[in-house]
Amino acid sequence: MSSHLLHSLIHYWADAFPLDVPTLYPGMVLNTEDHAAWLELWLDAWTDPPHRHASPPPTSCLATVHCFTRPSASLTQCHTLADAASTTLARQFLPIRDFSASGTPVLGHLSLYEPETRSLTRTASRAVELPLQHLVITIPGRVHPLMETA
């Protein structure tokens, strides 16, 4: 289900994110020298707490968006990206689909909750350099698989 979850999140993001900034997904490579800003979308921090055998596992996950801007970009551009990412993913209930099957059936749903934003921007080592701005948005989520019928 994890690959279906990631592909469903990527499809949602590609349709819903409003800004024209490249987004990297797991496994992608981008030469960032050509871009003043870019994003990375991750799905990580899987947890499967103990559960009853008769019920589907209550899997928790964490959607993470890294926002990067170069010093040549506007000083507020990184915050604009972070705000747009938070708005795109916060409080969403997304279908998890099997895009390899005919009709892309729904396998379950992903609930995304409130985002948290923090800065990982580091100060430059030399006074003439400006640091790469780096904001991280983390959104906890829960996977709700559909119950299988006998």
N, C-alpha and C. Protein backbone atom coordinates (compact mmCIF):
# COMPACT_ATOMS: atom_id res chain seq x y z
N MET A 1 0.83 -1.20 0.00
CA MET A 1 0.00 0.00 0.00
C MET A 1 0.86 1.26 0.00
N SER A 2 2.13 1.17 0.48
CA SER A 2 2.95 2.36 0.59
C SER A 2 3.23 3.00 -0.77
N SER A 3 3.47 2.20 -1.82
CA SER A 3 3.71 2.80 -3.13
C SER A 3 2.44 3.45 -3.68
N HIS A 4 1.28 2.86 -3.41
CA HIS A 4 0.01 3.45 -3.84
C HIS A 4 -0.23 4.77 -3.10
N LEU A 5 0.12 4.78 -1.83
CA LEU A 5 -0.03 5.99 -1.03
C LEU A 5 0.84 7.12 -1.57
N LEU A 6 2.10 6.81 -1.84
CA LEU A 6 3.01 7.82 -2.37
C LEU A 6 2.54 8.32 -3.74
N HIS A 7 2.16 7.42 -4.64
CA HIS A 7 1.68 7.85 -5.96
C HIS A 7 0.41 8.69 -5.85
N SER A 8 -0.47 8.33 -4.94
CA SER A 8 -1.70 9.11 -4.76
C SER A 8 -1.39 10.51 -4.25
N LEU A 9 -0.45 10.62 -3.32
CA LEU A 9 -0.05 11.93 -2.80
C LEU A 9 0.60 12.76 -3.90
N ILE A 10 1.44 12.14 -4.71
CA ILE A 10 2.09 12.86 -5.81
C ILE A 10 1.05 13.35 -6.82
N HIS A 11 0.09 12.52 -7.18
CA HIS A 11 -0.97 12.95 -8.12
C HIS A 11 -1.77 14.11 -7.55
N TYR A 12 -2.12 14.02 -6.27
CA TYR A 12 -2.86 15.11 -5.64
C TYR A 12 -2.03 16.40 -5.67
N TRP A 13 -0.76 16.30 -5.27
CA TRP A 13 0.12 17.46 -5.21
C TRP A 13 0.25 18.12 -6.59
N ALA A 14 0.47 17.29 -7.62
CA ALA A 14 0.65 17.82 -8.97
C ALA A 14 -0.58 18.59 -9.44
N ASP A 15 -1.77 18.15 -9.03
CA ASP A 15 -3.01 18.84 -9.41
C ASP A 15 -3.33 20.04 -8.53
N ALA A 16 -2.96 19.99 -7.26
CA ALA A 16 -3.45 20.98 -6.30
C ALA A 16 -2.45 22.09 -5.96
N PHE A 17 -1.14 21.84 -6.07
CA PHE A 17 -0.17 22.87 -5.66
C PHE A 17 -0.23 24.03 -6.65
N PRO A 18 -0.47 25.26 -6.16
CA PRO A 18 -0.80 26.37 -7.06
C PRO A 18 0.40 27.09 -7.70
N LEU A 19 1.61 26.89 -7.22
CA LEU A 19 2.74 27.68 -7.72
C LEU A 19 3.55 26.90 -8.75
N ASP A 20 4.16 27.65 -9.67
CA ASP A 20 4.95 27.05 -10.74
C ASP A 20 6.41 26.94 -10.29
N VAL A 21 6.66 25.94 -9.43
CA VAL A 21 8.00 25.69 -8.90
C VAL A 21 8.25 24.19 -9.03
N PRO A 22 9.43 23.78 -9.48
CA PRO A 22 9.66 22.33 -9.62
C PRO A 22 9.59 21.62 -8.27
N THR A 23 8.99 20.42 -8.29
CA THR A 23 8.91 19.58 -7.10
C THR A 23 9.63 18.27 -7.39
N LEU A 24 10.52 17.90 -6.48
CA LEU A 24 11.20 16.61 -6.58
C LEU A 24 10.47 15.62 -5.71
N TYR A 25 10.33 14.40 -6.24
CA TYR A 25 9.71 13.30 -5.51
C TYR A 25 10.79 12.25 -5.26
N PRO A 26 10.56 11.31 -4.37
CA PRO A 26 11.57 10.29 -4.09
C PRO A 26 12.06 9.62 -5.38
N GLY A 27 13.39 9.54 -5.51
CA GLY A 27 14.00 8.92 -6.67
C GLY A 27 14.31 9.87 -7.82
N MET A 28 13.82 11.11 -7.75
CA MET A 28 14.07 12.08 -8.81
C MET A 28 15.38 12.82 -8.57
N VAL A 29 15.99 13.28 -9.67
CA VAL A 29 17.20 14.09 -9.60
C VAL A 29 16.93 15.37 -10.38
N LEU A 30 17.37 16.49 -9.83
CA LEU A 30 17.18 17.79 -10.49
C LEU A 30 18.46 18.60 -10.32
N ASN A 31 18.94 19.19 -11.41
CA ASN A 31 20.08 20.09 -11.32
C ASN A 31 19.55 21.43 -10.80
N THR A 32 19.75 21.68 -9.53
CA THR A 32 19.15 22.86 -8.89
C THR A 32 19.88 24.16 -9.21
N GLU A 33 21.03 24.07 -9.88
CA GLU A 33 21.75 25.29 -10.24
C GLU A 33 20.93 26.17 -11.18
N ASP A 34 20.00 25.56 -11.90
CA ASP A 34 19.18 26.30 -12.87
C ASP A 34 17.92 26.89 -12.25
N HIS A 35 17.71 26.70 -10.96
CA HIS A 35 16.46 27.13 -10.32
C HIS A 35 16.73 28.01 -9.10
N ALA A 36 15.92 29.06 -8.97
CA ALA A 36 16.02 29.93 -7.79
C ALA A 36 15.26 29.34 -6.62
N ALA A 37 14.31 28.43 -6.91
CA ALA A 37 13.51 27.81 -5.85
C ALA A 37 13.07 26.42 -6.30
N TRP A 38 12.89 25.52 -5.36
CA TRP A 38 12.37 24.19 -5.64
C TRP A 38 11.85 23.57 -4.35
N LEU A 39 11.08 22.50 -4.52
CA LEU A 39 10.47 21.79 -3.39
C LEU A 39 10.83 20.31 -3.47
N GLU A 40 10.80 19.65 -2.33
CA GLU A 40 10.92 18.20 -2.26
C GLU A 40 9.75 17.69 -1.44
N LEU A 41 9.06 16.68 -1.96
CA LEU A 41 7.91 16.08 -1.27
C LEU A 41 8.29 14.66 -0.87
N TRP A 42 8.20 14.38 0.42
CA TRP A 42 8.55 13.06 0.96
C TRP A 42 7.35 12.50 1.72
N LEU A 43 7.32 11.20 1.83
CA LEU A 43 6.36 10.52 2.69
C LEU A 43 7.18 9.58 3.57
N ASP A 44 7.26 9.90 4.86
CA ASP A 44 8.16 9.14 5.72
C ASP A 44 7.58 8.92 7.11
N ALA A 45 8.37 8.38 7.99
CA ALA A 45 8.01 8.13 9.39
C ALA A 45 6.80 7.21 9.53
N TRP A 46 6.91 6.01 8.96
CA TRP A 46 5.83 5.02 9.05
C TRP A 46 5.79 4.40 10.44
N THR A 47 4.60 4.28 11.01
CA THR A 47 4.44 3.55 12.27
C THR A 47 3.19 2.68 12.16
N ASP A 48 3.32 1.46 12.62
CA ASP A 48 2.20 0.52 12.65
C ASP A 48 2.00 0.06 14.09
N PRO A 49 1.19 0.78 14.86
CA PRO A 49 0.98 0.37 16.25
C PRO A 49 0.25 -0.96 16.33
N PRO A 50 0.37 -1.66 17.46
CA PRO A 50 -0.35 -2.94 17.61
C PRO A 50 -1.85 -2.74 17.38
N HIS A 51 -2.49 -3.78 16.81
CA HIS A 51 -3.92 -3.69 16.53
C HIS A 51 -4.52 -5.10 16.56
N ARG A 52 -5.83 -5.15 16.58
CA ARG A 52 -6.53 -6.44 16.55
C ARG A 52 -6.41 -7.04 15.16
N HIS A 53 -6.39 -8.36 15.10
CA HIS A 53 -6.26 -9.04 13.81
C HIS A 53 -7.45 -8.80 12.91
N ALA A 54 -8.61 -8.57 13.47
CA ALA A 54 -9.83 -8.40 12.66
C ALA A 54 -9.95 -7.00 12.07
N SER A 55 -9.13 -6.07 12.52
CA SER A 55 -9.24 -4.69 12.02
C SER A 55 -8.01 -4.35 11.18
N PRO A 56 -8.16 -3.41 10.24
CA PRO A 56 -7.01 -3.01 9.43
C PRO A 56 -6.00 -2.26 10.31
N PRO A 57 -4.71 -2.35 9.97
CA PRO A 57 -3.71 -1.67 10.79
C PRO A 57 -3.84 -0.15 10.71
N PRO A 58 -3.78 0.54 11.84
CA PRO A 58 -3.89 2.00 11.85
C PRO A 58 -2.54 2.65 11.58
N THR A 59 -2.08 2.63 10.34
CA THR A 59 -0.76 3.13 9.98
C THR A 59 -0.74 4.65 10.03
N SER A 60 0.29 5.18 10.69
CA SER A 60 0.52 6.62 10.72
C SER A 60 1.71 6.93 9.83
N CYS A 61 1.72 8.12 9.27
CA CYS A 61 2.83 8.53 8.41
C CYS A 61 3.05 10.02 8.58
N LEU A 62 4.07 10.50 7.92
CA LEU A 62 4.39 11.91 7.97
C LEU A 62 4.69 12.38 6.54
N ALA A 63 3.93 13.35 6.06
CA ALA A 63 4.22 13.98 4.77
C ALA A 63 5.14 15.16 5.06
N THR A 64 6.23 15.25 4.31
CA THR A 64 7.22 16.30 4.55
C THR A 64 7.49 17.04 3.25
N VAL A 65 7.46 18.36 3.33
CA VAL A 65 7.79 19.20 2.18
C VAL A 65 8.98 20.07 2.57
N HIS A 66 10.03 19.98 1.77
CA HIS A 66 11.20 20.83 1.96
C HIS A 66 11.11 21.95 0.93
N CYS A 67 11.20 23.19 1.38
CA CYS A 67 11.16 24.36 0.50
C CYS A 67 12.56 24.99 0.47
N PHE A 68 13.11 25.16 -0.71
CA PHE A 68 14.44 25.73 -0.86
C PHE A 68 14.36 26.96 -1.76
N THR A 69 15.05 28.03 -1.37
CA THR A 69 15.20 29.19 -2.25
C THR A 69 16.64 29.70 -2.14
N ARG A 70 17.12 30.19 -3.25
CA ARG A 70 18.47 30.76 -3.29
C ARG A 70 18.42 32.21 -2.83
N PRO A 71 19.56 32.73 -2.42
CA PRO A 71 19.61 34.14 -2.00
C PRO A 71 19.18 35.11 -3.10
N SER A 72 19.29 34.70 -4.37
CA SER A 72 18.89 35.58 -5.47
C SER A 72 17.37 35.75 -5.54
N ALA A 73 16.63 34.84 -4.91
CA ALA A 73 15.17 34.93 -4.90
C ALA A 73 14.74 35.97 -3.86
N SER A 74 13.50 36.35 -3.91
CA SER A 74 12.93 37.27 -2.94
C SER A 74 13.09 36.69 -1.53
N LEU A 75 13.31 37.54 -0.56
CA LEU A 75 13.50 37.09 0.82
C LEU A 75 12.24 36.40 1.37
N THR A 76 11.10 36.71 0.79
CA THR A 76 9.86 36.10 1.29
C THR A 76 9.42 34.89 0.46
N GLN A 77 10.14 34.57 -0.63
CA GLN A 77 9.69 33.50 -1.52
C GLN A 77 9.64 32.15 -0.80
N CYS A 78 10.59 31.86 0.06
CA CYS A 78 10.58 30.57 0.77
C CYS A 78 9.34 30.47 1.66
N HIS A 79 8.98 31.56 2.31
CA HIS A 79 7.78 31.56 3.14
C HIS A 79 6.51 31.45 2.30
N THR A 80 6.52 32.05 1.12
CA THR A 80 5.39 31.92 0.20
C THR A 80 5.21 30.46 -0.22
N LEU A 81 6.32 29.79 -0.53
CA LEU A 81 6.26 28.36 -0.89
C LEU A 81 5.74 27.53 0.28
N ALA A 82 6.25 27.81 1.48
CA ALA A 82 5.83 27.05 2.66
C ALA A 82 4.35 27.26 2.95
N ASP A 83 3.87 28.48 2.82
CA ASP A 83 2.44 28.74 3.03
C ASP A 83 1.58 28.00 2.02
N ALA A 84 2.01 28.00 0.76
CA ALA A 84 1.24 27.31 -0.28
C ALA A 84 1.26 25.80 -0.05
N ALA A 85 2.39 25.25 0.37
CA ALA A 85 2.48 23.82 0.65
C ALA A 85 1.59 23.45 1.83
N SER A 86 1.61 24.26 2.87
CA SER A 86 0.77 24.00 4.05
C SER A 86 -0.70 24.04 3.68
N THR A 87 -1.10 25.03 2.91
CA THR A 87 -2.49 25.16 2.50
C THR A 87 -2.92 23.99 1.61
N THR A 88 -2.01 23.52 0.76
CA THR A 88 -2.33 22.42 -0.15
C THR A 88 -2.56 21.11 0.59
N LEU A 89 -1.80 20.86 1.66
CA LEU A 89 -1.86 19.55 2.32
C LEU A 89 -2.63 19.52 3.63
N ALA A 90 -2.79 20.65 4.29
CA ALA A 90 -3.41 20.66 5.62
C ALA A 90 -4.87 20.22 5.57
N ARG A 91 -5.25 19.39 6.54
CA ARG A 91 -6.64 18.95 6.75
C ARG A 91 -7.27 18.36 5.48
N GLN A 92 -6.53 17.49 4.81
CA GLN A 92 -7.03 16.85 3.60
C GLN A 92 -7.41 15.39 3.88
N PHE A 93 -8.36 14.89 3.14
CA PHE A 93 -8.78 13.49 3.18
C PHE A 93 -8.68 12.99 1.75
N LEU A 94 -7.57 12.31 1.43
CA LEU A 94 -7.25 11.97 0.05
C LEU A 94 -7.49 10.49 -0.24
N PRO A 95 -8.03 10.17 -1.40
CA PRO A 95 -8.16 8.75 -1.75
C PRO A 95 -6.80 8.16 -2.08
N ILE A 96 -6.59 6.92 -1.66
CA ILE A 96 -5.39 6.17 -2.04
C ILE A 96 -5.82 5.26 -3.18
N ARG A 97 -5.23 5.46 -4.35
CA ARG A 97 -5.66 4.75 -5.55
C ARG A 97 -4.57 3.81 -6.06
N ASP A 98 -5.01 2.78 -6.75
CA ASP A 98 -4.11 1.88 -7.45
C ASP A 98 -4.07 2.33 -8.90
N PHE A 99 -3.07 3.13 -9.25
CA PHE A 99 -2.99 3.69 -10.60
C PHE A 99 -2.57 2.66 -11.64
N SER A 100 -2.11 1.48 -11.19
CA SER A 100 -1.73 0.44 -12.14
C SER A 100 -2.92 -0.43 -12.55
N ALA A 101 -4.04 -0.33 -11.83
CA ALA A 101 -5.22 -1.14 -12.14
C ALA A 101 -6.20 -0.36 -13.00
N SER A 102 -6.98 -1.06 -13.76
CA SER A 102 -7.99 -0.45 -14.61
C SER A 102 -9.02 0.28 -13.74
N GLY A 103 -9.29 1.52 -14.07
CA GLY A 103 -10.28 2.30 -13.33
C GLY A 103 -9.73 2.95 -12.07
N THR A 104 -8.45 2.79 -11.79
CA THR A 104 -7.79 3.32 -10.59
C THR A 104 -8.67 3.19 -9.34
N PRO A 105 -8.89 1.94 -8.89
CA PRO A 105 -9.77 1.74 -7.72
C PRO A 105 -9.19 2.38 -6.45
N VAL A 106 -10.09 2.76 -5.56
CA VAL A 106 -9.70 3.33 -4.28
C VAL A 106 -9.39 2.19 -3.31
N LEU A 107 -8.19 2.23 -2.72
CA LEU A 107 -7.76 1.20 -1.78
C LEU A 107 -7.96 1.63 -0.33
N GLY A 108 -8.11 2.92 -0.13
CA GLY A 108 -8.26 3.48 1.22
C GLY A 108 -8.19 5.00 1.14
N HIS A 109 -7.91 5.61 2.27
CA HIS A 109 -7.83 7.07 2.33
C HIS A 109 -6.67 7.48 3.23
N LEU A 110 -6.18 8.69 2.99
CA LEU A 110 -5.15 9.29 3.82
C LEU A 110 -5.71 10.56 4.43
N SER A 111 -5.72 10.61 5.75
CA SER A 111 -6.10 11.83 6.47
C SER A 111 -4.84 12.59 6.79
N LEU A 112 -4.75 13.83 6.36
CA LEU A 112 -3.63 14.70 6.72
C LEU A 112 -4.13 15.74 7.72
N TYR A 113 -3.31 16.01 8.73
CA TYR A 113 -3.74 16.88 9.83
C TYR A 113 -3.07 18.24 9.74
N GLU A 114 -2.81 18.86 10.86
CA GLU A 114 -2.25 20.22 10.91
C GLU A 114 -0.75 20.23 10.62
N PRO A 115 -0.30 21.14 9.76
CA PRO A 115 1.13 21.21 9.44
C PRO A 115 1.93 21.95 10.51
N GLU A 116 3.20 21.63 10.56
CA GLU A 116 4.15 22.34 11.41
C GLU A 116 5.29 22.79 10.52
N THR A 117 5.68 24.06 10.63
CA THR A 117 6.76 24.60 9.80
C THR A 117 7.93 24.98 10.67
N ARG A 118 9.13 24.64 10.20
CA ARG A 118 10.34 25.05 10.91
C ARG A 118 11.41 25.41 9.89
N SER A 119 12.34 26.23 10.32
CA SER A 119 13.41 26.66 9.44
C SER A 119 14.66 25.84 9.70
N LEU A 120 15.28 25.37 8.62
CA LEU A 120 16.57 24.70 8.70
C LEU A 120 17.64 25.53 7.99
N THR A 121 17.35 26.79 7.76
CA THR A 121 18.30 27.69 7.13
C THR A 121 19.51 27.85 8.05
N ARG A 122 20.68 27.71 7.48
CA ARG A 122 21.93 27.86 8.24
C ARG A 122 22.60 29.16 7.84
N THR A 123 23.29 29.75 8.79
CA THR A 123 24.02 30.97 8.47
C THR A 123 25.20 30.62 7.59
N ALA A 124 25.61 31.56 6.77
CA ALA A 124 26.71 31.34 5.84
C ALA A 124 28.03 31.30 6.60
N SER A 125 28.97 30.54 6.06
CA SER A 125 30.29 30.44 6.71
C SER A 125 31.15 31.67 6.45
N ARG A 126 30.87 32.36 5.34
CA ARG A 126 31.60 33.58 5.03
C ARG A 126 30.62 34.74 4.94
N ALA A 127 31.07 35.89 5.31
CA ALA A 127 30.19 37.07 5.36
C ALA A 127 29.66 37.44 3.98
N VAL A 128 30.36 37.11 2.90
CA VAL A 128 29.91 37.50 1.56
C VAL A 128 28.84 36.55 1.02
N GLU A 129 28.69 35.36 1.62
CA GLU A 129 27.69 34.40 1.16
C GLU A 129 26.36 34.60 1.88
N LEU A 130 25.31 34.42 1.16
CA LEU A 130 23.99 34.37 1.78
C LEU A 130 23.55 32.91 1.82
N PRO A 131 22.91 32.49 2.87
CA PRO A 131 22.55 31.07 2.97
C PRO A 131 21.38 30.70 2.05
N LEU A 132 21.35 29.42 1.70
CA LEU A 132 20.20 28.85 1.01
C LEU A 132 19.07 28.79 2.03
N GLN A 133 17.92 29.38 1.71
CA GLN A 133 16.80 29.31 2.64
C GLN A 133 16.17 27.93 2.55
N HIS A 134 15.85 27.35 3.72
CA HIS A 134 15.33 25.98 3.77
C HIS A 134 14.26 25.92 4.86
N LEU A 135 13.02 25.80 4.45
CA LEU A 135 11.91 25.62 5.39
C LEU A 135 11.35 24.21 5.21
N VAL A 136 10.96 23.58 6.31
CA VAL A 136 10.42 22.23 6.29
C VAL A 136 9.02 22.26 6.87
N ILE A 137 8.08 21.68 6.13
CA ILE A 137 6.70 21.55 6.60
C ILE A 137 6.46 20.06 6.82
N THR A 138 6.01 19.70 8.01
CA THR A 138 5.67 18.31 8.30
C THR A 138 4.17 18.25 8.61
N ILE A 139 3.52 17.26 8.02
CA ILE A 139 2.08 17.08 8.21
C ILE A 139 1.84 15.63 8.61
N PRO A 140 1.44 15.40 9.86
CA PRO A 140 1.15 14.02 10.25
C PRO A 140 -0.12 13.52 9.56
N GLY A 141 -0.15 12.21 9.33
CA GLY A 141 -1.30 11.63 8.67
C GLY A 141 -1.60 10.24 9.17
N ARG A 142 -2.77 9.76 8.80
CA ARG A 142 -3.19 8.40 9.15
C ARG A 142 -3.78 7.75 7.92
N VAL A 143 -3.39 6.49 7.68
CA VAL A 143 -3.87 5.71 6.54
C VAL A 143 -5.09 4.92 6.99
N HIS A 144 -6.16 5.00 6.20
CA HIS A 144 -7.40 4.28 6.48
C HIS A 144 -7.66 3.31 5.32
N PRO A 145 -7.18 2.04 5.43
CA PRO A 145 -7.45 1.10 4.34
C PRO A 145 -8.93 0.74 4.32
N LEU A 146 -9.44 0.43 3.12
CA LEU A 146 -10.81 -0.03 3.03
C LEU A 146 -10.90 -1.44 3.60
N MET A 147 -11.99 -1.73 4.26
CA MET A 147 -12.20 -3.07 4.80
C MET A 147 -12.47 -4.02 3.64
N GLU A 148 -11.80 -5.16 3.66
CA GLU A 148 -12.06 -6.16 2.62
C GLU A 148 -13.32 -6.92 2.96
N THR A 149 -14.14 -7.18 1.95
CA THR A 149 -15.37 -7.94 2.18
C THR A 149 -15.13 -9.40 1.83
N ALA A 150 -15.70 -10.28 2.60
CA ALA A 150 -15.50 -11.71 2.36
C ALA A 150 -16.43 -12.25 1.32
